[in-house]
Amino acid sequence: MTTSAVERHVAALAGVPLQPTAADKSRAVKPSVDHLMDTPLPVLINELGVTLLDVGIEDAGFFGAVVQRKTGELLLTLPAGRSELEHDTMARYLLAQVLGVDVPPMPAPIVTTEMAGGDPDPDMDEALRRVRGEAV
């Protein structure tokens, strides 16, 4: 029995690796503790596809927040004007929390709260577009 050119082409496709979709690329992978703690923060942010925003929240009790959107994209917000050490530490700690990397808890007064149910703010899409400079 002879196979047609189409059948041969389709059979050859089985050996071609699948290309990741945009949704696949936006899902952060779980890094090791060593990678999370040792990789320079700008490199880590880029590898994980995180959108990092410095926000003008001046409340001393606000250390930052991370939202994992339904697409898998991570949005990390940190208060502007904090020390480089606090900025770096909180970014890594919040990423560890959302990605399920096993790190020891932070000392008081730092407490994390997990909110389920997707984006906690219905205006998040519009705010993110504005920050990115996209048309609203």
Protein backbone atom coordinates (compact mmCIF):
# COMPACT_ATOMS: atom_id res chain seq x y z
CA MET A 1 0.00 0.00 0.00
CA THR A 2 1.37 3.42 -0.96
CA THR A 3 1.07 6.44 1.25
CA SER A 4 0.21 9.81 -0.15
CA ALA A 5 2.42 12.88 0.27
CA VAL A 6 -0.11 14.30 2.75
CA GLU A 7 -0.03 11.15 4.86
CA ARG A 8 3.80 11.19 4.89
CA HIS A 9 3.79 14.88 5.86
CA VAL A 10 1.30 14.33 8.69
CA ALA A 11 3.30 11.34 9.94
CA ALA A 12 6.49 13.46 9.97
CA LEU A 13 4.79 16.08 12.13
CA ALA A 14 4.74 13.66 15.05
CA GLY A 15 8.51 14.15 15.39
CA VAL A 16 8.31 17.96 15.41
CA PRO A 17 8.29 19.40 18.94
CA LEU A 18 5.28 21.51 19.80
CA GLN A 19 5.90 25.23 20.00
CA PRO A 20 4.73 26.89 23.21
CA THR A 21 1.66 29.07 22.95
CA ALA A 22 1.43 32.56 24.45
CA ALA A 23 -0.48 31.06 27.37
CA ASP A 24 2.27 28.48 27.91
CA LYS A 25 4.93 31.20 27.91
CA SER A 26 3.04 33.28 30.46
CA ARG A 27 2.85 30.46 33.00
CA ALA A 28 5.78 30.84 35.37
CA VAL A 29 7.71 27.70 36.15
CA LYS A 30 8.65 26.78 39.69
CA PRO A 31 12.31 27.66 40.20
CA SER A 32 14.50 25.95 42.77
CA VAL A 33 15.16 27.78 46.05
CA ASP A 34 18.79 28.32 44.99
CA HIS A 35 17.76 29.77 41.64
CA LEU A 36 15.13 32.01 43.22
CA MET A 37 17.59 33.38 45.78
CA ASP A 38 20.81 33.53 43.73
CA THR A 39 19.71 34.80 40.32
CA PRO A 40 19.99 38.58 39.90
CA LEU A 41 16.48 39.97 40.37
CA PRO A 42 16.18 41.58 36.90
CA VAL A 43 17.17 38.24 35.30
CA LEU A 44 14.72 36.31 37.50
CA ILE A 45 11.88 38.72 36.69
CA ASN A 46 12.60 38.33 32.98
CA GLU A 47 12.88 34.52 33.14
CA LEU A 48 9.57 34.21 34.96
CA GLY A 49 7.79 36.72 32.71
CA VAL A 50 6.81 38.85 35.69
CA THR A 51 5.43 42.36 35.27
CA LEU A 52 7.02 44.40 38.06
CA LEU A 53 5.43 47.69 39.12
CA ASP A 54 6.66 50.14 41.74
CA VAL A 55 3.57 51.74 43.27
CA GLY A 56 3.16 54.89 45.34
CA ILE A 57 1.49 53.21 48.32
CA GLU A 58 3.01 54.90 51.37
CA ASP A 59 1.44 52.68 54.04
CA ALA A 60 4.33 51.36 56.14
CA GLY A 61 2.47 48.05 56.54
CA PHE A 62 2.33 47.42 52.78
CA PHE A 63 5.33 45.37 51.66
CA GLY A 64 4.03 44.37 48.21
CA ALA A 65 1.59 42.13 46.42
CA VAL A 66 1.65 39.55 43.67
CA VAL A 67 -1.29 38.53 41.50
CA GLN A 68 -1.34 35.46 39.30
CA ARG A 69 -3.80 36.21 36.55
CA LYS A 70 -5.97 33.57 34.90
CA THR A 71 -3.49 33.53 31.99
CA GLY A 72 -0.72 32.58 34.40
CA GLU A 73 0.94 36.00 34.11
CA LEU A 74 2.42 37.28 37.36
CA LEU A 75 1.94 40.92 38.32
CA LEU A 76 4.25 41.96 41.17
CA THR A 77 3.74 45.33 42.86
CA LEU A 78 6.19 46.76 45.36
CA PRO A 79 6.11 50.11 47.17
CA ALA A 80 8.40 52.71 45.60
CA GLY A 81 11.02 54.38 47.75
CA ARG A 82 11.98 51.38 49.89
CA SER A 83 15.57 50.25 50.28
CA GLU A 84 17.14 48.03 47.64
CA LEU A 85 17.43 45.25 50.23
CA GLU A 86 13.71 45.41 51.11
CA HIS A 87 12.71 45.63 47.44
CA ASP A 88 14.82 42.59 46.52
CA THR A 89 13.83 40.54 49.58
CA MET A 90 10.09 41.16 49.23
CA ALA A 91 10.12 40.49 45.48
CA ARG A 92 11.79 37.12 45.98
CA TYR A 93 9.59 36.20 48.96
CA LEU A 94 6.35 37.07 47.18
CA LEU A 95 7.43 35.16 44.08
CA ALA A 96 8.28 32.15 46.28
CA GLN A 97 4.80 32.31 47.82
CA VAL A 98 2.91 32.45 44.52
CA LEU A 99 5.09 29.80 42.83
CA GLY A 100 5.02 27.39 45.76
CA VAL A 101 8.76 27.51 46.45
CA ASP A 102 9.41 26.30 50.00
CA VAL A 103 11.03 29.17 51.89
CA PRO A 104 10.83 29.97 55.60
CA PRO A 105 8.19 32.50 56.65
CA MET A 106 9.17 36.13 57.10
CA PRO A 107 9.44 37.50 60.62
CA ALA A 108 6.74 39.76 62.08
CA PRO A 109 5.32 42.20 61.11
CA ILE A 110 5.40 40.76 57.59
CA VAL A 111 2.33 38.61 57.00
CA THR A 112 1.13 37.27 53.66
CA THR A 113 -2.50 36.75 52.77
CA GLU A 114 -3.64 34.54 49.91
CA MET A 115 -6.77 35.53 48.06
CA ALA A 116 -8.42 32.98 45.79
CA GLY A 117 -10.63 33.59 42.82
CA GLY A 118 -8.47 35.27 40.19
CA ASP A 119 -7.86 38.96 39.82
CA PRO A 120 -8.99 40.61 43.08
CA ASP A 121 -9.62 43.95 41.38
CA PRO A 122 -12.00 44.12 38.40
CA ASP A 123 -10.17 47.24 37.15
CA MET A 124 -6.80 45.46 37.07
CA ASP A 125 -6.84 44.99 33.28
CA GLU A 126 -7.38 48.70 32.66
CA ALA A 127 -4.76 49.72 35.23
CA LEU A 128 -2.21 47.31 33.75
CA ARG A 129 -2.83 48.64 30.23
CA ARG A 130 -2.33 52.21 31.46
CA VAL A 131 0.92 51.35 33.21
CA ARG A 132 2.18 49.61 30.09
CA GLY A 133 1.17 52.60 27.98
CA GLU A 134 -1.28 50.61 25.89
CA ALA A 135 -4.44 52.12 24.46
CA VAL A 136 -7.41 51.85 26.79
